[in-house]
């Protein structure tokens, strides 16, 4: 980190254990992204007049070259945030996920979706709620009525062209989804 870690406690007694935990988690962020510029952590207990117990609010702001990651954990959303350690853990977990996504994007590691295979309906068994697809490569693929996406199963016919995604099933190749080509 180019700028030292900044930790702020508002309306909260400073705990050496919690501060040590925050420093440890911030160091892990620095390991994930070597270009980390700064990390600011705020833990606060809002004033509450009508409630027993405290719900804590955490905010973590991480600065990278050309990018900022801000995570807020609001007390109204999570009753588990009566524990300072839990709210900090949740906030750091969220920052860590976002930071990994940013680093992956910077390295060009973008999730790719497999391309759909093309084929045609070779046979239908409407009474048994399934059919078979003849793939462009000659593969025989099973599909269930629940895998048909854009047309009602009862309206498809043998010979219709389809796109599908193949996966290995219990009894061989099967289509996880089938889309009729218009």
N, C-alpha and C. Protein backbone atom coordinates (compact mmCIF):
# COMPACT_ATOMS: atom_id res chain seq x y z
N UNK A 1 0.85 -1.17 0.00
CA UNK A 1 0.00 0.00 0.00
C UNK A 1 0.89 1.23 0.00
N UNK A 2 0.58 2.17 -0.87
CA UNK A 2 1.39 3.37 -0.96
C UNK A 2 1.11 4.33 0.19
N UNK A 3 -0.14 4.40 0.61
CA UNK A 3 -0.54 5.25 1.74
C UNK A 3 -0.87 4.31 2.91
N UNK A 4 -0.37 4.58 4.10
CA UNK A 4 -0.63 3.67 5.23
C UNK A 4 -2.13 3.50 5.50
N UNK A 5 -2.47 2.33 6.00
CA UNK A 5 -3.84 2.00 6.37
C UNK A 5 -4.39 3.02 7.35
N UNK A 6 -5.64 3.45 7.10
CA UNK A 6 -6.31 4.39 8.01
C UNK A 6 -7.49 3.68 8.64
N UNK A 7 -7.52 3.63 9.96
CA UNK A 7 -8.61 2.99 10.70
C UNK A 7 -9.25 4.04 11.59
N UNK A 8 -10.58 4.14 11.50
CA UNK A 8 -11.32 5.10 12.32
C UNK A 8 -12.41 4.36 13.07
N UNK A 9 -12.48 4.62 14.39
CA UNK A 9 -13.55 4.08 15.23
C UNK A 9 -14.40 5.26 15.68
N UNK A 10 -15.71 5.20 15.45
CA UNK A 10 -16.63 6.26 15.88
C UNK A 10 -17.65 5.67 16.84
N UNK A 11 -17.75 6.27 18.02
CA UNK A 11 -18.69 5.82 19.05
C UNK A 11 -18.45 4.36 19.43
N UNK A 12 -17.20 3.90 19.27
CA UNK A 12 -16.83 2.52 19.56
C UNK A 12 -15.54 2.54 20.36
N UNK A 13 -15.48 1.72 21.39
CA UNK A 13 -14.22 1.60 22.13
C UNK A 13 -13.22 0.85 21.27
N UNK A 14 -12.01 1.38 21.22
CA UNK A 14 -10.96 0.77 20.41
C UNK A 14 -10.55 -0.56 21.04
N UNK A 15 -10.56 -1.59 20.22
CA UNK A 15 -10.18 -2.92 20.66
C UNK A 15 -8.89 -3.30 19.94
N UNK A 16 -7.86 -3.68 20.70
CA UNK A 16 -6.59 -4.08 20.08
C UNK A 16 -6.78 -5.32 19.21
N UNK A 17 -7.63 -6.22 19.66
CA UNK A 17 -7.90 -7.44 18.90
C UNK A 17 -8.54 -7.10 17.56
N UNK A 18 -9.54 -6.23 17.57
CA UNK A 18 -10.22 -5.84 16.34
C UNK A 18 -9.28 -5.06 15.42
N UNK A 19 -8.51 -4.16 16.00
CA UNK A 19 -7.58 -3.39 15.18
C UNK A 19 -6.55 -4.32 14.54
N UNK A 20 -6.07 -5.31 15.26
CA UNK A 20 -5.13 -6.28 14.72
C UNK A 20 -5.77 -7.08 13.58
N UNK A 21 -7.04 -7.46 13.76
CA UNK A 21 -7.78 -8.18 12.72
C UNK A 21 -7.90 -7.33 11.46
N UNK A 22 -8.24 -6.05 11.62
CA UNK A 22 -8.38 -5.14 10.48
C UNK A 22 -7.05 -5.02 9.74
N UNK A 23 -5.96 -4.89 10.47
CA UNK A 23 -4.64 -4.78 9.84
C UNK A 23 -4.28 -6.06 9.07
N UNK A 24 -4.61 -7.19 9.65
CA UNK A 24 -4.35 -8.48 8.99
C UNK A 24 -5.14 -8.60 7.69
N UNK A 25 -6.43 -8.25 7.73
CA UNK A 25 -7.28 -8.35 6.54
C UNK A 25 -6.84 -7.34 5.47
N UNK A 26 -6.42 -6.15 5.88
CA UNK A 26 -5.94 -5.15 4.93
C UNK A 26 -4.65 -5.63 4.27
N UNK A 27 -3.80 -6.31 5.03
CA UNK A 27 -2.56 -6.85 4.46
C UNK A 27 -2.87 -7.90 3.40
N UNK A 28 -3.93 -8.68 3.61
CA UNK A 28 -4.34 -9.68 2.60
C UNK A 28 -4.79 -8.99 1.32
N UNK A 29 -5.48 -7.84 1.47
CA UNK A 29 -5.90 -7.09 0.27
C UNK A 29 -4.67 -6.64 -0.51
N UNK A 30 -3.65 -6.21 0.22
CA UNK A 30 -2.40 -5.76 -0.41
C UNK A 30 -1.72 -6.90 -1.15
N UNK A 31 -1.88 -8.13 -0.67
CA UNK A 31 -1.31 -9.30 -1.36
C UNK A 31 -2.08 -9.61 -2.64
N UNK A 32 -3.39 -9.40 -2.63
CA UNK A 32 -4.23 -9.67 -3.80
C UNK A 32 -3.90 -8.69 -4.92
N UNK A 33 -3.71 -7.43 -4.56
CA UNK A 33 -3.46 -6.38 -5.55
C UNK A 33 -2.22 -5.59 -5.13
N UNK A 34 -1.15 -5.77 -5.87
CA UNK A 34 0.12 -5.11 -5.51
C UNK A 34 0.12 -3.62 -5.85
N UNK A 35 -0.89 -3.15 -6.61
CA UNK A 35 -0.95 -1.73 -6.97
C UNK A 35 -1.89 -0.95 -6.06
N UNK A 36 -2.28 -1.52 -4.94
CA UNK A 36 -3.19 -0.87 -4.00
C UNK A 36 -2.58 0.45 -3.52
N UNK A 37 -3.34 1.53 -3.63
CA UNK A 37 -2.84 2.84 -3.21
C UNK A 37 -3.16 3.09 -1.75
N UNK A 38 -4.44 2.89 -1.37
CA UNK A 38 -4.82 3.15 0.02
C UNK A 38 -6.01 2.30 0.43
N UNK A 39 -6.19 2.21 1.75
CA UNK A 39 -7.32 1.51 2.33
C UNK A 39 -7.75 2.28 3.57
N UNK A 40 -9.02 2.71 3.58
CA UNK A 40 -9.57 3.42 4.74
C UNK A 40 -10.72 2.58 5.31
N UNK A 41 -10.67 2.33 6.61
CA UNK A 41 -11.67 1.51 7.29
C UNK A 41 -12.33 2.35 8.38
N UNK A 42 -13.66 2.34 8.40
CA UNK A 42 -14.41 3.06 9.43
C UNK A 42 -15.38 2.07 10.07
N UNK A 43 -15.38 2.01 11.40
CA UNK A 43 -16.35 1.23 12.15
C UNK A 43 -17.03 2.18 13.11
N UNK A 44 -18.37 2.18 13.05
CA UNK A 44 -19.09 3.09 13.94
C UNK A 44 -20.35 2.44 14.49
N UNK A 45 -20.75 2.95 15.64
CA UNK A 45 -22.00 2.55 16.26
C UNK A 45 -22.89 3.78 16.24
N UNK A 46 -23.91 3.79 15.41
CA UNK A 46 -24.80 4.95 15.36
C UNK A 46 -25.53 5.12 16.70
N UNK A 47 -25.91 6.35 16.99
CA UNK A 47 -26.67 6.60 18.21
C UNK A 47 -28.03 5.95 18.08
N UNK A 48 -28.41 5.18 19.10
CA UNK A 48 -29.70 4.50 19.08
C UNK A 48 -30.39 4.76 20.41
N UNK A 49 -31.54 5.36 20.33
CA UNK A 49 -32.25 5.72 21.55
C UNK A 49 -33.31 4.70 21.93
N UNK A 50 -33.87 3.99 20.95
CA UNK A 50 -34.99 3.11 21.22
C UNK A 50 -34.62 1.64 21.21
N UNK A 51 -33.38 1.30 20.85
CA UNK A 51 -32.99 -0.09 20.70
C UNK A 51 -32.00 -0.49 21.78
N UNK A 52 -32.11 -1.74 22.21
CA UNK A 52 -31.10 -2.28 23.10
C UNK A 52 -30.03 -2.91 22.23
N UNK A 53 -28.81 -2.86 22.67
CA UNK A 53 -27.72 -3.43 21.88
C UNK A 53 -27.31 -2.46 20.79
N UNK A 54 -26.17 -2.73 20.21
CA UNK A 54 -25.66 -1.87 19.15
C UNK A 54 -25.62 -2.65 17.84
N UNK A 55 -26.00 -1.98 16.78
CA UNK A 55 -25.79 -2.51 15.44
C UNK A 55 -24.71 -1.64 14.83
N UNK A 56 -23.64 -2.25 14.37
CA UNK A 56 -22.49 -1.50 13.89
C UNK A 56 -22.54 -1.30 12.39
N UNK A 57 -21.94 -0.23 11.95
CA UNK A 57 -21.83 0.12 10.55
C UNK A 57 -20.36 0.11 10.17
N UNK A 58 -20.02 -0.55 9.07
CA UNK A 58 -18.63 -0.58 8.61
C UNK A 58 -18.56 -0.04 7.20
N UNK A 59 -17.48 0.65 6.93
CA UNK A 59 -17.23 1.18 5.59
C UNK A 59 -15.75 0.95 5.28
N UNK A 60 -15.50 0.42 4.10
CA UNK A 60 -14.13 0.21 3.65
C UNK A 60 -14.00 0.84 2.27
N UNK A 61 -13.00 1.69 2.12
CA UNK A 61 -12.74 2.40 0.86
C UNK A 61 -11.33 2.03 0.40
N UNK A 62 -11.24 1.35 -0.72
CA UNK A 62 -9.96 0.92 -1.27
C UNK A 62 -9.72 1.69 -2.57
N UNK A 63 -8.53 2.28 -2.69
CA UNK A 63 -8.19 3.05 -3.88
C UNK A 63 -7.11 2.32 -4.67
N UNK A 64 -7.37 2.17 -5.96
CA UNK A 64 -6.43 1.57 -6.91
C UNK A 64 -6.17 2.59 -8.01
N UNK A 65 -5.16 2.39 -8.82
CA UNK A 65 -4.97 3.32 -9.94
C UNK A 65 -6.20 3.29 -10.86
N UNK A 66 -6.87 4.41 -10.96
CA UNK A 66 -8.03 4.53 -11.85
C UNK A 66 -9.30 3.86 -11.36
N UNK A 67 -9.33 3.42 -10.13
CA UNK A 67 -10.51 2.70 -9.65
C UNK A 67 -10.64 2.84 -8.13
N UNK A 68 -11.88 2.85 -7.66
CA UNK A 68 -12.19 2.91 -6.24
C UNK A 68 -13.18 1.80 -5.91
N UNK A 69 -12.98 1.13 -4.80
CA UNK A 69 -13.93 0.13 -4.32
C UNK A 69 -14.41 0.61 -2.96
N UNK A 70 -15.72 0.75 -2.83
CA UNK A 70 -16.31 1.18 -1.57
C UNK A 70 -17.34 0.15 -1.14
N UNK A 71 -17.21 -0.33 0.08
CA UNK A 71 -18.16 -1.30 0.64
C UNK A 71 -18.71 -0.73 1.93
N UNK A 72 -20.03 -0.75 2.06
CA UNK A 72 -20.70 -0.32 3.28
C UNK A 72 -21.53 -1.48 3.79
N UNK A 73 -21.46 -1.75 5.05
CA UNK A 73 -22.31 -2.75 5.68
C UNK A 73 -23.22 -2.01 6.63
N UNK A 74 -24.50 -1.93 6.24
CA UNK A 74 -25.50 -1.17 6.99
C UNK A 74 -26.08 -2.01 8.12
N UNK A 75 -26.25 -1.44 9.30
CA UNK A 75 -26.74 -2.21 10.45
C UNK A 75 -28.20 -2.63 10.31
N UNK A 76 -29.01 -1.86 9.59
CA UNK A 76 -30.43 -2.19 9.47
C UNK A 76 -30.65 -3.48 8.69
N UNK A 77 -29.68 -3.88 7.90
CA UNK A 77 -29.87 -5.02 7.03
C UNK A 77 -29.46 -6.35 7.66
N UNK A 78 -28.62 -6.33 8.68
CA UNK A 78 -28.09 -7.57 9.22
C UNK A 78 -28.09 -7.54 10.75
N UNK A 79 -28.95 -8.33 11.36
CA UNK A 79 -28.97 -8.39 12.82
C UNK A 79 -27.67 -8.98 13.37
N UNK A 80 -26.94 -9.73 12.55
CA UNK A 80 -25.65 -10.29 12.98
C UNK A 80 -24.63 -9.18 13.23
N UNK A 81 -24.93 -7.97 12.79
CA UNK A 81 -23.98 -6.87 12.94
C UNK A 81 -24.04 -6.24 14.33
N UNK A 82 -24.50 -7.02 15.30
CA UNK A 82 -24.39 -6.62 16.70
C UNK A 82 -23.00 -6.95 17.21
N UNK A 83 -22.24 -7.68 16.41
CA UNK A 83 -20.87 -8.06 16.75
C UNK A 83 -19.91 -7.32 15.80
N UNK A 84 -19.00 -6.54 16.38
CA UNK A 84 -18.07 -5.74 15.57
C UNK A 84 -17.23 -6.62 14.65
N UNK A 85 -16.83 -7.79 15.14
CA UNK A 85 -15.99 -8.68 14.34
C UNK A 85 -16.75 -9.21 13.13
N UNK A 86 -18.03 -9.49 13.29
CA UNK A 86 -18.84 -10.01 12.19
C UNK A 86 -19.01 -8.95 11.11
N UNK A 87 -19.31 -7.73 11.51
CA UNK A 87 -19.50 -6.68 10.52
C UNK A 87 -18.20 -6.41 9.76
N UNK A 88 -17.06 -6.46 10.44
CA UNK A 88 -15.79 -6.24 9.75
C UNK A 88 -15.46 -7.41 8.83
N UNK A 89 -15.73 -8.63 9.28
CA UNK A 89 -15.49 -9.81 8.43
C UNK A 89 -16.31 -9.72 7.15
N UNK A 90 -17.61 -9.41 7.29
CA UNK A 90 -18.49 -9.30 6.12
C UNK A 90 -18.01 -8.21 5.17
N UNK A 91 -17.61 -7.08 5.70
CA UNK A 91 -17.15 -5.97 4.85
C UNK A 91 -15.86 -6.34 4.12
N UNK A 92 -14.91 -6.93 4.83
CA UNK A 92 -13.65 -7.31 4.18
C UNK A 92 -13.86 -8.42 3.16
N UNK A 93 -14.78 -9.36 3.43
CA UNK A 93 -15.07 -10.41 2.45
C UNK A 93 -15.61 -9.80 1.16
N UNK A 94 -16.49 -8.82 1.29
CA UNK A 94 -17.06 -8.15 0.11
C UNK A 94 -15.99 -7.39 -0.67
N UNK A 95 -15.11 -6.68 0.04
CA UNK A 95 -14.03 -5.95 -0.62
C UNK A 95 -13.10 -6.92 -1.34
N UNK A 96 -12.80 -8.01 -0.68
CA UNK A 96 -11.89 -9.00 -1.26
C UNK A 96 -12.46 -9.57 -2.56
N UNK A 97 -13.76 -9.88 -2.58
CA UNK A 97 -14.40 -10.39 -3.81
C UNK A 97 -14.30 -9.36 -4.93
N UNK A 98 -14.63 -8.11 -4.62
CA UNK A 98 -14.58 -7.06 -5.64
C UNK A 98 -13.16 -6.83 -6.12
N UNK A 99 -12.21 -6.86 -5.22
CA UNK A 99 -10.81 -6.65 -5.58
C UNK A 99 -10.32 -7.76 -6.50
N UNK A 100 -10.68 -9.00 -6.21
CA UNK A 100 -10.30 -10.11 -7.08
C UNK A 100 -10.89 -9.93 -8.48
N UNK A 101 -12.13 -9.45 -8.56
CA UNK A 101 -12.75 -9.19 -9.87
C UNK A 101 -11.98 -8.12 -10.64
N UNK A 102 -11.60 -7.05 -9.96
CA UNK A 102 -10.85 -5.96 -10.60
C UNK A 102 -9.51 -6.47 -11.10
N UNK A 103 -8.79 -7.20 -10.26
CA UNK A 103 -7.48 -7.72 -10.64
C UNK A 103 -7.62 -8.68 -11.83
N UNK A 104 -8.63 -9.54 -11.80
CA UNK A 104 -8.88 -10.46 -12.91
C UNK A 104 -9.16 -9.71 -14.20
N UNK A 105 -9.95 -8.65 -14.10
CA UNK A 105 -10.25 -7.83 -15.28
C UNK A 105 -8.99 -7.18 -15.81
N UNK A 106 -8.15 -6.66 -14.91
CA UNK A 106 -6.91 -6.02 -15.32
C UNK A 106 -5.95 -7.01 -15.99
N UNK A 107 -5.98 -8.25 -15.56
CA UNK A 107 -5.11 -9.27 -16.14
C UNK A 107 -5.72 -9.89 -17.39
N UNK A 108 -6.95 -9.45 -17.73
CA UNK A 108 -7.61 -10.00 -18.91
C UNK A 108 -8.30 -11.32 -18.67
N UNK A 109 -8.48 -11.67 -17.41
CA UNK A 109 -9.16 -12.92 -17.07
C UNK A 109 -10.65 -12.63 -16.96
N UNK A 110 -11.32 -12.72 -18.09
CA UNK A 110 -12.75 -12.44 -18.13
C UNK A 110 -13.47 -13.77 -18.29
N UNK A 111 -14.55 -13.92 -17.55
CA UNK A 111 -15.32 -15.15 -17.65
C UNK A 111 -15.86 -15.27 -19.07
N UNK A 112 -15.70 -16.44 -19.66
CA UNK A 112 -16.24 -16.67 -20.99
C UNK A 112 -17.38 -17.67 -20.88
N UNK A 113 -18.37 -17.46 -21.69
CA UNK A 113 -19.50 -18.38 -21.73
C UNK A 113 -19.31 -19.29 -22.93
N UNK A 114 -19.54 -20.56 -22.71
CA UNK A 114 -19.34 -21.48 -23.80
C UNK A 114 -20.35 -21.19 -24.91
N UNK A 115 -19.93 -21.41 -26.13
CA UNK A 115 -20.82 -21.16 -27.25
C UNK A 115 -21.84 -22.29 -27.34
N UNK A 116 -23.01 -21.94 -27.79
CA UNK A 116 -24.07 -22.92 -27.91
C UNK A 116 -23.83 -23.82 -29.12
N UNK A 117 -24.15 -25.07 -28.95
CA UNK A 117 -24.08 -26.02 -30.06
C UNK A 117 -25.36 -25.90 -30.86
N UNK A 118 -25.31 -26.35 -32.10
CA UNK A 118 -26.49 -26.29 -32.96
C UNK A 118 -26.83 -27.69 -33.41
N UNK A 119 -28.12 -27.94 -33.56
CA UNK A 119 -28.60 -29.24 -34.02
C UNK A 119 -30.05 -29.14 -34.41
N UNK A 120 -30.71 -30.29 -34.51
CA UNK A 120 -32.14 -30.30 -34.81
C UNK A 120 -32.81 -31.40 -34.00
N UNK A 121 -34.09 -31.19 -33.72
CA UNK A 121 -34.86 -32.17 -32.96
C UNK A 121 -34.99 -33.42 -33.84
N UNK A 122 -34.48 -34.55 -33.34
CA UNK A 122 -34.53 -35.78 -34.15
C UNK A 122 -35.75 -36.63 -33.80
N UNK A 123 -36.13 -36.63 -32.54
CA UNK A 123 -37.28 -37.43 -32.13
C UNK A 123 -37.87 -36.82 -30.85
N UNK A 124 -39.18 -36.91 -30.71
CA UNK A 124 -39.88 -36.40 -29.52
C UNK A 124 -40.71 -37.50 -28.89
N UNK A 125 -40.79 -37.50 -27.59
CA UNK A 125 -41.63 -38.41 -26.83
C UNK A 125 -42.46 -37.56 -25.87
N UNK A 126 -43.52 -36.89 -26.39
CA UNK A 126 -44.29 -35.96 -25.57
C UNK A 126 -44.92 -36.61 -24.33
N UNK A 127 -45.34 -37.85 -24.43
CA UNK A 127 -45.97 -38.52 -23.28
C UNK A 127 -44.96 -38.73 -22.15
N UNK A 128 -43.68 -38.87 -22.51
CA UNK A 128 -42.64 -39.07 -21.51
C UNK A 128 -41.88 -37.78 -21.19
N UNK A 129 -42.26 -36.65 -21.78
CA UNK A 129 -41.68 -35.33 -21.52
C UNK A 129 -40.21 -35.20 -21.91
N UNK A 130 -39.79 -35.88 -22.99
CA UNK A 130 -38.42 -35.69 -23.43
C UNK A 130 -38.30 -35.87 -24.94
N UNK A 131 -37.12 -35.56 -25.43
CA UNK A 131 -36.82 -35.74 -26.84
C UNK A 131 -35.32 -35.89 -27.02
N UNK A 132 -34.92 -35.96 -28.29
CA UNK A 132 -33.50 -36.11 -28.59
C UNK A 132 -33.14 -35.11 -29.68
N UNK A 133 -31.91 -34.66 -29.62
CA UNK A 133 -31.37 -33.70 -30.58
C UNK A 133 -30.26 -34.39 -31.35
N UNK A 134 -30.23 -34.18 -32.68
CA UNK A 134 -29.13 -34.64 -33.49
C UNK A 134 -28.20 -33.45 -33.65
N UNK A 135 -27.03 -33.52 -33.02
CA UNK A 135 -26.07 -32.42 -33.07
C UNK A 135 -25.45 -32.29 -34.45
N UNK A 136 -24.90 -31.12 -34.75
CA UNK A 136 -24.25 -30.88 -36.04
C UNK A 136 -23.08 -31.84 -36.24
N UNK A 137 -22.50 -32.31 -35.13
CA UNK A 137 -21.38 -33.25 -35.21
C UNK A 137 -21.85 -34.71 -35.20
N UNK A 138 -23.17 -34.92 -35.27
CA UNK A 138 -23.73 -36.27 -35.29
C UNK A 138 -24.05 -36.83 -33.91
N UNK A 139 -23.80 -36.06 -32.86
CA UNK A 139 -24.07 -36.53 -31.50
C UNK A 139 -25.57 -36.64 -31.25
N UNK A 140 -25.95 -37.64 -30.45
CA UNK A 140 -27.34 -37.85 -30.06
C UNK A 140 -27.48 -37.34 -28.62
N UNK A 141 -28.23 -36.24 -28.44
CA UNK A 141 -28.32 -35.57 -27.15
C UNK A 141 -29.75 -35.67 -26.60
N UNK A 142 -29.88 -36.13 -25.38
CA UNK A 142 -31.16 -36.19 -24.67
C UNK A 142 -31.52 -34.79 -24.15
N UNK A 143 -32.83 -34.45 -24.16
CA UNK A 143 -33.28 -33.24 -23.47
C UNK A 143 -34.65 -33.48 -22.86
N UNK A 144 -34.90 -32.83 -21.73
CA UNK A 144 -36.17 -32.92 -21.02
C UNK A 144 -37.00 -31.69 -21.34
N UNK A 145 -38.29 -31.79 -21.19
CA UNK A 145 -39.18 -30.66 -21.49
C UNK A 145 -38.81 -29.43 -20.67
N UNK A 146 -38.30 -29.61 -19.45
CA UNK A 146 -37.93 -28.47 -18.60
C UNK A 146 -36.71 -27.70 -19.12
N UNK A 147 -35.95 -28.30 -20.03
CA UNK A 147 -34.77 -27.61 -20.56
C UNK A 147 -35.10 -26.73 -21.76
N UNK A 148 -36.32 -26.83 -22.30
CA UNK A 148 -36.72 -26.00 -23.45
C UNK A 148 -37.05 -24.60 -22.93
N UNK A 149 -36.39 -23.58 -23.52
CA UNK A 149 -36.47 -22.25 -22.95
C UNK A 149 -37.44 -21.29 -23.62
N UNK A 150 -37.44 -21.17 -24.93
CA UNK A 150 -38.17 -20.07 -25.55
C UNK A 150 -39.47 -20.47 -26.23
N UNK A 151 -39.81 -21.75 -26.21
CA UNK A 151 -41.04 -22.25 -26.83
C UNK A 151 -41.62 -23.30 -25.89
N UNK A 152 -42.94 -23.39 -25.87
CA UNK A 152 -43.58 -24.43 -25.08
C UNK A 152 -43.22 -25.80 -25.66
N UNK A 153 -42.87 -26.73 -24.81
CA UNK A 153 -42.46 -28.08 -25.24
C UNK A 153 -43.49 -28.70 -26.18
N UNK A 154 -44.77 -28.48 -25.91
CA UNK A 154 -45.84 -29.08 -26.72
C UNK A 154 -45.92 -28.49 -28.12
N UNK A 155 -45.23 -27.40 -28.38
CA UNK A 155 -45.27 -26.76 -29.70
C UNK A 155 -44.04 -27.06 -30.56
N UNK A 156 -43.06 -27.76 -30.00
CA UNK A 156 -41.90 -28.08 -30.82
C UNK A 156 -42.18 -29.33 -31.65
N UNK A 157 -41.49 -29.43 -32.77
CA UNK A 157 -41.70 -30.54 -33.69
C UNK A 157 -40.36 -31.12 -34.13
N UNK A 158 -40.39 -32.36 -34.56
CA UNK A 158 -39.20 -33.00 -35.09
C UNK A 158 -38.71 -32.22 -36.31
N UNK A 159 -37.41 -32.07 -36.42
CA UNK A 159 -36.82 -31.35 -37.55
C UNK A 159 -36.54 -29.88 -37.25
N UNK A 160 -37.07 -29.34 -36.15
CA UNK A 160 -36.82 -27.93 -35.80
C UNK A 160 -35.35 -27.73 -35.44
N UNK A 161 -34.78 -26.62 -35.91
CA UNK A 161 -33.40 -26.29 -35.58
C UNK A 161 -33.34 -25.70 -34.17
N UNK A 162 -32.29 -26.07 -33.42
CA UNK A 162 -32.15 -25.61 -32.04
C UNK A 162 -30.69 -25.28 -31.72
N UNK A 163 -30.53 -24.43 -30.74
CA UNK A 163 -29.25 -24.22 -30.07
C UNK A 163 -29.39 -24.91 -28.73
N UNK A 164 -28.30 -25.46 -28.21
CA UNK A 164 -28.36 -26.15 -26.92
C UNK A 164 -27.00 -26.12 -26.25
N UNK A 165 -27.02 -26.37 -24.95
CA UNK A 165 -25.78 -26.49 -24.18
C UNK A 165 -25.71 -27.92 -23.67
N UNK A 166 -24.62 -28.58 -24.00
CA UNK A 166 -24.46 -30.00 -23.66
C UNK A 166 -23.68 -30.17 -22.37
N UNK A 167 -24.12 -31.15 -21.58
CA UNK A 167 -23.41 -31.54 -20.37
C UNK A 167 -23.51 -33.05 -20.24
N UNK A 168 -22.69 -33.61 -19.39
CA UNK A 168 -22.72 -35.06 -19.19
C UNK A 168 -23.79 -35.38 -18.14
N UNK A 169 -24.74 -36.23 -18.52
CA UNK A 169 -25.80 -36.64 -17.61
C UNK A 169 -25.53 -38.05 -17.08
N UNK A 170 -26.47 -38.58 -16.32
CA UNK A 170 -26.32 -39.92 -15.73
C UNK A 170 -26.24 -41.00 -16.80
N UNK A 171 -26.97 -40.80 -17.91
CA UNK A 171 -27.03 -41.82 -18.95
C UNK A 171 -26.38 -41.34 -20.25
N UNK A 172 -25.47 -40.39 -20.15
CA UNK A 172 -24.80 -39.90 -21.35
C UNK A 172 -25.05 -38.42 -21.55
N UNK A 173 -24.73 -37.91 -22.77
CA UNK A 173 -24.87 -36.47 -23.01
C UNK A 173 -26.33 -36.02 -22.94
N UNK A 174 -26.51 -34.84 -22.34
CA UNK A 174 -27.85 -34.27 -22.27
C UNK A 174 -27.74 -32.76 -22.42
N UNK A 175 -28.84 -32.12 -22.80
CA UNK A 175 -28.86 -30.67 -22.97
C UNK A 175 -29.36 -30.04 -21.68
N UNK A 176 -28.58 -29.09 -21.14
CA UNK A 176 -29.01 -28.38 -19.93
C UNK A 176 -30.04 -27.34 -20.30
N UNK A 177 -29.97 -26.80 -21.52
CA UNK A 177 -31.01 -25.91 -22.05
C UNK A 177 -31.10 -26.07 -23.55
N UNK A 178 -32.28 -25.82 -24.08
CA UNK A 178 -32.55 -25.92 -25.52
C UNK A 178 -33.33 -24.69 -25.93
N UNK A 179 -32.90 -24.07 -27.01
CA UNK A 179 -33.58 -22.87 -27.53
C UNK A 179 -33.87 -23.10 -29.01
N UNK A 180 -35.16 -23.03 -29.37
CA UNK A 180 -35.54 -23.20 -30.77
C UNK A 180 -35.09 -21.98 -31.56
N UNK A 181 -34.50 -22.23 -32.74
CA UNK A 181 -34.04 -21.14 -33.60
C UNK A 181 -35.20 -20.69 -34.45
N UNK A 182 -35.49 -19.41 -34.42
CA UNK A 182 -36.62 -18.87 -35.22
C UNK A 182 -36.28 -18.86 -36.69
